[in-house]
Amino acid sequence: MDKLVMTGGSPLHGEVQIAGAKNAALPILCACLLTADTIELHNVPDLQDVRTMLKLLQQMGVSVDFPNPKDRSHLLLNAATIISPEAPYELVKTMRASILVLGPLLARMGLATVSLPGGCAIGARPVDQHIKGLKAMGAGIQ
């Protein structure tokens, strides 16, 4: 493990820019489904899972805009015109995090259809907790 060893009697000053985290960005992207207002996000990592989630949201009717095309970490999302409460299977099957659209869709539209997600096979990561939480709030699951 790398480490920095600082010696000396002078206080340190400066700034460190922290990169955006995929596991924080994906749920935040899905949360845009909860409102018809425009959501502005900064420091979103430009990773394949983020791009896949953006495609999934776009296919459901969310507009995605990059104010500066050279800066893909800054984006505007608007879900005012969701066209479907169904997440497209072709994208859902590629990414486990696609289950994260289920709660916001259900809250906003009263109905959601999301197939069981695919994604990488890194250990067991069942969607049971999502289902249990939604059932506890009164959702009917088929």
N, C-alpha and C. Protein backbone atom coordinates (compact mmCIF):
# COMPACT_ATOMS: atom_id res chain seq x y z
N MET A 1 0.84 -1.18 0.00
CA MET A 1 0.00 0.00 0.00
C MET A 1 0.88 1.24 0.00
N ASP A 2 0.61 2.16 -0.92
CA ASP A 2 1.38 3.40 -0.98
C ASP A 2 1.00 4.32 0.17
N LYS A 3 1.96 5.12 0.59
CA LYS A 3 1.67 6.08 1.65
C LYS A 3 2.55 7.30 1.47
N LEU A 4 2.11 8.39 2.04
CA LEU A 4 2.87 9.62 2.04
C LEU A 4 3.37 9.85 3.45
N VAL A 5 4.65 10.13 3.58
CA VAL A 5 5.23 10.43 4.88
C VAL A 5 5.65 11.89 4.85
N MET A 6 5.09 12.68 5.74
CA MET A 6 5.38 14.11 5.80
C MET A 6 6.26 14.38 7.02
N THR A 7 7.33 15.07 6.79
CA THR A 7 8.18 15.49 7.91
C THR A 7 8.39 16.99 7.81
N GLY A 8 8.59 17.59 8.93
CA GLY A 8 8.83 19.03 8.94
C GLY A 8 7.86 19.73 9.87
N GLY A 9 8.14 20.95 10.15
CA GLY A 9 7.34 21.69 11.10
C GLY A 9 6.37 22.67 10.47
N SER A 10 6.18 22.61 9.17
CA SER A 10 5.29 23.57 8.51
C SER A 10 3.90 22.98 8.31
N PRO A 11 2.86 23.77 8.54
CA PRO A 11 1.50 23.28 8.27
C PRO A 11 1.31 23.07 6.76
N LEU A 12 0.49 22.10 6.43
CA LEU A 12 0.19 21.82 5.02
C LEU A 12 -1.01 22.65 4.57
N HIS A 13 -0.99 23.11 3.35
CA HIS A 13 -2.09 23.86 2.76
C HIS A 13 -2.30 23.36 1.34
N GLY A 14 -3.50 23.50 0.85
CA GLY A 14 -3.76 23.14 -0.53
C GLY A 14 -5.14 22.52 -0.71
N GLU A 15 -5.37 22.05 -1.89
CA GLU A 15 -6.64 21.43 -2.22
C GLU A 15 -6.38 20.12 -2.94
N VAL A 16 -7.29 19.19 -2.75
CA VAL A 16 -7.23 17.91 -3.44
C VAL A 16 -8.58 17.72 -4.11
N GLN A 17 -8.57 17.44 -5.39
CA GLN A 17 -9.82 17.18 -6.11
C GLN A 17 -10.13 15.69 -6.01
N ILE A 18 -11.31 15.37 -5.51
CA ILE A 18 -11.73 13.99 -5.35
C ILE A 18 -12.53 13.59 -6.59
N ALA A 19 -12.19 12.46 -7.16
CA ALA A 19 -12.91 11.96 -8.34
C ALA A 19 -14.29 11.48 -7.93
N GLY A 20 -15.25 11.58 -8.84
CA GLY A 20 -16.59 11.08 -8.59
C GLY A 20 -16.58 9.57 -8.43
N ALA A 21 -17.53 9.04 -7.68
CA ALA A 21 -17.61 7.61 -7.41
C ALA A 21 -18.81 7.00 -8.12
N LYS A 22 -18.59 5.92 -8.84
CA LYS A 22 -19.65 5.25 -9.58
C LYS A 22 -20.78 4.82 -8.65
N ASN A 23 -20.43 4.25 -7.50
CA ASN A 23 -21.45 3.73 -6.60
C ASN A 23 -22.28 4.82 -5.94
N ALA A 24 -21.82 6.05 -5.99
CA ALA A 24 -22.63 7.18 -5.54
C ALA A 24 -23.40 7.77 -6.72
N ALA A 25 -22.77 7.81 -7.89
CA ALA A 25 -23.38 8.44 -9.06
C ALA A 25 -24.60 7.68 -9.57
N LEU A 26 -24.55 6.36 -9.60
CA LEU A 26 -25.65 5.59 -10.19
C LEU A 26 -26.98 5.80 -9.45
N PRO A 27 -27.03 5.71 -8.12
CA PRO A 27 -28.31 5.99 -7.44
C PRO A 27 -28.77 7.43 -7.62
N ILE A 28 -27.83 8.36 -7.67
CA ILE A 28 -28.19 9.77 -7.86
C ILE A 28 -28.79 9.97 -9.25
N LEU A 29 -28.22 9.32 -10.26
CA LEU A 29 -28.78 9.41 -11.61
C LEU A 29 -30.22 8.89 -11.62
N CYS A 30 -30.46 7.77 -10.95
CA CYS A 30 -31.81 7.19 -10.90
C CYS A 30 -32.78 8.09 -10.16
N ALA A 31 -32.29 8.82 -9.18
CA ALA A 31 -33.15 9.71 -8.40
C ALA A 31 -33.77 10.81 -9.25
N CYS A 32 -33.19 11.09 -10.41
CA CYS A 32 -33.77 12.12 -11.29
C CYS A 32 -35.18 11.74 -11.71
N LEU A 33 -35.52 10.45 -11.66
CA LEU A 33 -36.85 10.00 -12.04
C LEU A 33 -37.93 10.48 -11.07
N LEU A 34 -37.53 10.94 -9.90
CA LEU A 34 -38.49 11.35 -8.88
C LEU A 34 -39.11 12.72 -9.13
N THR A 35 -38.55 13.49 -10.03
CA THR A 35 -39.01 14.86 -10.22
C THR A 35 -39.10 15.23 -11.70
N ALA A 36 -39.95 16.19 -11.99
CA ALA A 36 -40.03 16.72 -13.35
C ALA A 36 -39.10 17.92 -13.52
N ASP A 37 -38.43 18.31 -12.46
CA ASP A 37 -37.49 19.44 -12.52
C ASP A 37 -36.17 19.00 -13.15
N THR A 38 -35.41 19.97 -13.65
CA THR A 38 -34.08 19.69 -14.18
C THR A 38 -33.11 19.52 -13.02
N ILE A 39 -32.31 18.48 -13.10
CA ILE A 39 -31.31 18.18 -12.08
C ILE A 39 -29.94 18.44 -12.69
N GLU A 40 -29.10 19.17 -11.99
CA GLU A 40 -27.74 19.45 -12.45
C GLU A 40 -26.76 18.70 -11.57
N LEU A 41 -25.90 17.92 -12.19
CA LEU A 41 -24.90 17.13 -11.47
C LEU A 41 -23.50 17.50 -11.94
N HIS A 42 -22.58 17.50 -10.99
CA HIS A 42 -21.17 17.75 -11.27
C HIS A 42 -20.35 16.57 -10.74
N ASN A 43 -19.17 16.40 -11.28
CA ASN A 43 -18.22 15.40 -10.81
C ASN A 43 -18.73 13.96 -10.99
N VAL A 44 -19.51 13.74 -12.04
CA VAL A 44 -19.99 12.39 -12.35
C VAL A 44 -18.90 11.68 -13.14
N PRO A 45 -18.47 10.49 -12.69
CA PRO A 45 -17.39 9.81 -13.41
C PRO A 45 -17.85 9.34 -14.80
N ASP A 46 -16.98 9.46 -15.77
CA ASP A 46 -17.28 9.02 -17.13
C ASP A 46 -16.85 7.56 -17.28
N LEU A 47 -17.71 6.67 -16.79
CA LEU A 47 -17.43 5.23 -16.80
C LEU A 47 -18.52 4.50 -17.59
N GLN A 48 -18.24 3.28 -17.99
CA GLN A 48 -19.19 2.52 -18.80
C GLN A 48 -20.53 2.34 -18.09
N ASP A 49 -20.54 2.01 -16.79
CA ASP A 49 -21.80 1.83 -16.07
C ASP A 49 -22.61 3.13 -16.04
N VAL A 50 -21.95 4.25 -15.89
CA VAL A 50 -22.64 5.54 -15.90
C VAL A 50 -23.23 5.79 -17.29
N ARG A 51 -22.47 5.51 -18.34
CA ARG A 51 -22.99 5.70 -19.71
C ARG A 51 -24.17 4.78 -19.98
N THR A 52 -24.10 3.53 -19.47
CA THR A 52 -25.21 2.60 -19.65
C THR A 52 -26.45 3.09 -18.91
N MET A 53 -26.27 3.58 -17.68
CA MET A 53 -27.41 4.10 -16.92
C MET A 53 -28.03 5.30 -17.64
N LEU A 54 -27.20 6.16 -18.20
CA LEU A 54 -27.73 7.32 -18.93
C LEU A 54 -28.52 6.87 -20.15
N LYS A 55 -28.04 5.84 -20.86
CA LYS A 55 -28.79 5.30 -22.01
C LYS A 55 -30.13 4.74 -21.56
N LEU A 56 -30.12 4.01 -20.45
CA LEU A 56 -31.35 3.43 -19.91
C LEU A 56 -32.36 4.54 -19.59
N LEU A 57 -31.89 5.57 -18.90
CA LEU A 57 -32.77 6.69 -18.55
C LEU A 57 -33.29 7.40 -19.80
N GLN A 58 -32.42 7.58 -20.80
CA GLN A 58 -32.85 8.24 -22.04
C GLN A 58 -33.92 7.42 -22.75
N GLN A 59 -33.77 6.11 -22.77
CA GLN A 59 -34.77 5.28 -23.44
C GLN A 59 -36.12 5.31 -22.73
N MET A 60 -36.10 5.71 -21.45
CA MET A 60 -37.35 5.84 -20.70
C MET A 60 -37.93 7.25 -20.83
N GLY A 61 -37.23 8.15 -21.51
CA GLY A 61 -37.75 9.48 -21.75
C GLY A 61 -37.03 10.61 -21.04
N VAL A 62 -35.99 10.30 -20.29
CA VAL A 62 -35.22 11.34 -19.59
C VAL A 62 -34.31 12.04 -20.58
N SER A 63 -34.31 13.37 -20.55
CA SER A 63 -33.37 14.09 -21.41
C SER A 63 -32.06 14.25 -20.65
N VAL A 64 -30.97 14.02 -21.35
CA VAL A 64 -29.62 14.12 -20.78
C VAL A 64 -28.85 15.11 -21.63
N ASP A 65 -28.29 16.11 -20.97
CA ASP A 65 -27.57 17.15 -21.69
C ASP A 65 -26.23 17.41 -21.00
N PHE A 66 -25.19 17.55 -21.80
CA PHE A 66 -23.87 17.94 -21.30
C PHE A 66 -23.66 19.39 -21.73
N PRO A 67 -23.76 20.35 -20.79
CA PRO A 67 -23.61 21.76 -21.16
C PRO A 67 -22.30 22.06 -21.88
N ASN A 68 -21.25 21.36 -21.49
CA ASN A 68 -19.96 21.49 -22.15
C ASN A 68 -19.59 20.10 -22.67
N PRO A 69 -19.73 19.84 -23.97
CA PRO A 69 -19.48 18.49 -24.50
C PRO A 69 -18.10 17.93 -24.17
N LYS A 70 -17.15 18.80 -23.85
CA LYS A 70 -15.81 18.33 -23.50
C LYS A 70 -15.72 17.91 -22.03
N ASP A 71 -16.77 18.19 -21.25
CA ASP A 71 -16.77 17.86 -19.82
C ASP A 71 -17.95 16.94 -19.52
N ARG A 72 -17.72 15.63 -19.61
CA ARG A 72 -18.79 14.67 -19.38
C ARG A 72 -19.07 14.45 -17.90
N SER A 73 -18.38 15.17 -17.03
CA SER A 73 -18.65 15.03 -15.59
C SER A 73 -19.74 15.99 -15.13
N HIS A 74 -20.17 16.89 -15.99
CA HIS A 74 -21.21 17.87 -15.67
C HIS A 74 -22.40 17.59 -16.59
N LEU A 75 -23.56 17.29 -16.00
CA LEU A 75 -24.71 17.00 -16.83
C LEU A 75 -26.00 17.52 -16.25
N LEU A 76 -26.97 17.68 -17.13
CA LEU A 76 -28.32 18.10 -16.77
C LEU A 76 -29.28 16.98 -17.14
N LEU A 77 -30.14 16.60 -16.20
CA LEU A 77 -31.12 15.54 -16.42
C LEU A 77 -32.51 16.12 -16.23
N ASN A 78 -33.44 15.73 -17.09
CA ASN A 78 -34.82 16.15 -16.91
C ASN A 78 -35.74 14.99 -17.25
N ALA A 79 -36.51 14.57 -16.24
CA ALA A 79 -37.42 13.44 -16.41
C ALA A 79 -38.88 13.90 -16.47
N ALA A 80 -39.11 15.10 -16.98
CA ALA A 80 -40.48 15.63 -17.07
C ALA A 80 -41.33 14.79 -18.02
N THR A 81 -40.70 14.17 -18.99
CA THR A 81 -41.45 13.44 -20.01
C THR A 81 -41.08 11.96 -20.03
N ILE A 82 -41.20 11.31 -18.88
CA ILE A 82 -40.97 9.86 -18.86
C ILE A 82 -42.02 9.23 -19.77
N ILE A 83 -41.56 8.40 -20.69
CA ILE A 83 -42.49 7.80 -21.65
C ILE A 83 -42.89 6.38 -21.27
N SER A 84 -42.17 5.79 -20.32
CA SER A 84 -42.47 4.41 -19.99
C SER A 84 -42.04 4.09 -18.56
N PRO A 85 -42.89 3.35 -17.82
CA PRO A 85 -42.49 2.88 -16.50
C PRO A 85 -41.70 1.58 -16.58
N GLU A 86 -41.32 1.21 -17.80
CA GLU A 86 -40.59 -0.04 -18.01
C GLU A 86 -39.15 0.24 -18.41
N ALA A 87 -38.23 -0.35 -17.66
CA ALA A 87 -36.81 -0.22 -17.98
C ALA A 87 -36.48 -1.20 -19.10
N PRO A 88 -35.82 -0.75 -20.15
CA PRO A 88 -35.55 -1.61 -21.31
C PRO A 88 -34.64 -2.79 -20.95
N TYR A 89 -35.14 -3.98 -21.23
CA TYR A 89 -34.44 -5.21 -20.86
C TYR A 89 -33.03 -5.27 -21.44
N GLU A 90 -32.85 -4.82 -22.68
CA GLU A 90 -31.54 -4.91 -23.32
C GLU A 90 -30.46 -4.19 -22.53
N LEU A 91 -30.82 -3.16 -21.79
CA LEU A 91 -29.84 -2.46 -20.95
C LEU A 91 -29.83 -3.00 -19.53
N VAL A 92 -31.01 -3.34 -19.01
CA VAL A 92 -31.10 -3.88 -17.64
C VAL A 92 -30.25 -5.13 -17.50
N LYS A 93 -30.26 -5.97 -18.52
CA LYS A 93 -29.53 -7.24 -18.43
C LYS A 93 -28.01 -7.05 -18.37
N THR A 94 -27.54 -5.86 -18.71
CA THR A 94 -26.09 -5.64 -18.75
C THR A 94 -25.51 -5.06 -17.47
N MET A 95 -26.39 -4.63 -16.55
CA MET A 95 -25.85 -3.91 -15.39
C MET A 95 -26.72 -4.15 -14.16
N ARG A 96 -26.12 -4.66 -13.12
CA ARG A 96 -26.82 -4.94 -11.87
C ARG A 96 -27.46 -3.69 -11.27
N ALA A 97 -26.82 -2.55 -11.39
CA ALA A 97 -27.33 -1.31 -10.78
C ALA A 97 -28.62 -0.82 -11.42
N SER A 98 -29.04 -1.42 -12.52
CA SER A 98 -30.27 -0.97 -13.17
C SER A 98 -31.50 -1.18 -12.28
N ILE A 99 -31.41 -2.05 -11.28
CA ILE A 99 -32.51 -2.24 -10.33
C ILE A 99 -32.82 -0.94 -9.59
N LEU A 100 -31.87 -0.01 -9.57
CA LEU A 100 -32.04 1.24 -8.84
C LEU A 100 -33.12 2.15 -9.44
N VAL A 101 -33.58 1.88 -10.65
CA VAL A 101 -34.67 2.68 -11.22
C VAL A 101 -36.03 2.24 -10.68
N LEU A 102 -36.10 1.07 -10.07
CA LEU A 102 -37.37 0.50 -9.63
C LEU A 102 -38.10 1.39 -8.63
N GLY A 103 -37.45 1.77 -7.55
CA GLY A 103 -38.09 2.59 -6.53
C GLY A 103 -38.55 3.95 -7.04
N PRO A 104 -37.66 4.71 -7.70
CA PRO A 104 -38.09 6.01 -8.22
C PRO A 104 -39.23 5.92 -9.25
N LEU A 105 -39.20 4.91 -10.11
CA LEU A 105 -40.29 4.74 -11.07
C LEU A 105 -41.60 4.47 -10.36
N LEU A 106 -41.56 3.58 -9.38
CA LEU A 106 -42.76 3.23 -8.64
C LEU A 106 -43.31 4.45 -7.90
N ALA A 107 -42.42 5.23 -7.28
CA ALA A 107 -42.84 6.41 -6.54
C ALA A 107 -43.46 7.46 -7.46
N ARG A 108 -42.89 7.65 -8.61
CA ARG A 108 -43.34 8.72 -9.53
C ARG A 108 -44.54 8.31 -10.35
N MET A 109 -44.55 7.05 -10.82
CA MET A 109 -45.58 6.65 -11.78
C MET A 109 -46.62 5.69 -11.20
N GLY A 110 -46.34 5.16 -10.01
CA GLY A 110 -47.27 4.21 -9.40
C GLY A 110 -47.15 2.81 -9.97
N LEU A 111 -46.25 2.62 -10.90
CA LEU A 111 -46.06 1.34 -11.58
C LEU A 111 -44.63 1.30 -12.10
N ALA A 112 -44.03 0.13 -12.05
CA ALA A 112 -42.68 -0.02 -12.60
C ALA A 112 -42.50 -1.46 -13.06
N THR A 113 -41.84 -1.62 -14.18
CA THR A 113 -41.49 -2.95 -14.68
C THR A 113 -40.00 -2.96 -14.94
N VAL A 114 -39.30 -3.77 -14.16
CA VAL A 114 -37.85 -3.91 -14.29
C VAL A 114 -37.53 -5.39 -14.17
N SER A 115 -36.94 -5.96 -15.20
CA SER A 115 -36.57 -7.38 -15.12
C SER A 115 -35.38 -7.54 -14.19
N LEU A 116 -35.10 -8.76 -13.80
CA LEU A 116 -33.95 -9.00 -12.94
C LEU A 116 -32.69 -8.57 -13.67
N PRO A 117 -31.85 -7.82 -13.00
CA PRO A 117 -30.67 -7.26 -13.68
C PRO A 117 -29.58 -8.29 -13.90
N GLY A 118 -28.71 -7.97 -14.85
CA GLY A 118 -27.54 -8.79 -15.12
C GLY A 118 -26.33 -8.16 -14.49
N GLY A 119 -25.29 -8.00 -15.27
CA GLY A 119 -24.07 -7.37 -14.76
C GLY A 119 -23.01 -8.40 -14.46
N CYS A 120 -21.98 -7.94 -13.79
CA CYS A 120 -20.84 -8.81 -13.51
C CYS A 120 -21.17 -9.80 -12.40
N ALA A 121 -20.41 -10.86 -12.33
CA ALA A 121 -20.67 -11.92 -11.36
C ALA A 121 -19.68 -11.86 -10.21
N ILE A 122 -19.66 -10.74 -9.51
CA ILE A 122 -18.78 -10.59 -8.35
C ILE A 122 -19.58 -10.95 -7.12
N GLY A 123 -19.59 -12.22 -6.76
CA GLY A 123 -20.30 -12.64 -5.55
C GLY A 123 -21.80 -12.48 -5.67
N ALA A 124 -22.49 -12.88 -4.61
CA ALA A 124 -23.94 -12.79 -4.58
C ALA A 124 -24.37 -11.38 -4.19
N ARG A 125 -25.16 -10.77 -5.04
CA ARG A 125 -25.70 -9.44 -4.75
C ARG A 125 -27.17 -9.45 -5.14
N PRO A 126 -27.98 -10.16 -4.33
CA PRO A 126 -29.38 -10.30 -4.70
C PRO A 126 -30.14 -8.97 -4.60
N VAL A 127 -31.25 -8.92 -5.32
CA VAL A 127 -32.10 -7.72 -5.29
C VAL A 127 -33.17 -7.83 -4.22
N ASP A 128 -33.10 -8.88 -3.41
CA ASP A 128 -34.12 -9.14 -2.39
C ASP A 128 -34.36 -7.93 -1.48
N GLN A 129 -33.30 -7.24 -1.10
CA GLN A 129 -33.47 -6.12 -0.17
C GLN A 129 -34.28 -4.99 -0.81
N HIS A 130 -34.11 -4.78 -2.09
CA HIS A 130 -34.91 -3.77 -2.79
C HIS A 130 -36.39 -4.18 -2.76
N ILE A 131 -36.64 -5.44 -3.07
CA ILE A 131 -38.01 -5.95 -3.10
C ILE A 131 -38.64 -5.89 -1.71
N LYS A 132 -37.89 -6.32 -0.69
CA LYS A 132 -38.42 -6.29 0.68
C LYS A 132 -38.77 -4.87 1.10
N GLY A 133 -37.92 -3.91 0.77
CA GLY A 133 -38.18 -2.52 1.12
C GLY A 133 -39.43 -1.98 0.45
N LEU A 134 -39.60 -2.29 -0.83
CA LEU A 134 -40.78 -1.82 -1.55
C LEU A 134 -42.05 -2.48 -1.03
N LYS A 135 -41.98 -3.77 -0.71
CA LYS A 135 -43.14 -4.45 -0.13
C LYS A 135 -43.51 -3.84 1.21
N ALA A 136 -42.50 -3.52 2.02
CA ALA A 136 -42.75 -2.92 3.34
C ALA A 136 -43.45 -1.57 3.22
N MET A 137 -43.29 -0.91 2.08
CA MET A 137 -43.95 0.38 1.85
C MET A 137 -45.28 0.22 1.11
N GLY A 138 -45.71 -1.04 0.94
CA GLY A 138 -47.03 -1.29 0.37
C GLY A 138 -47.08 -1.64 -1.10
N ALA A 139 -45.95 -1.81 -1.74
CA ALA A 139 -45.93 -2.15 -3.17
C ALA A 139 -46.32 -3.61 -3.38
N GLY A 140 -47.05 -3.86 -4.43
CA GLY A 140 -47.34 -5.23 -4.85
C GLY A 140 -46.31 -5.64 -5.88
N ILE A 141 -45.73 -6.82 -5.69
CA ILE A 141 -44.66 -7.29 -6.58
C ILE A 141 -45.13 -8.55 -7.30
N GLN A 142 -44.94 -8.58 -8.61
CA GLN A 142 -45.28 -9.79 -9.39
C GLN A 142 -44.04 -10.31 -10.07
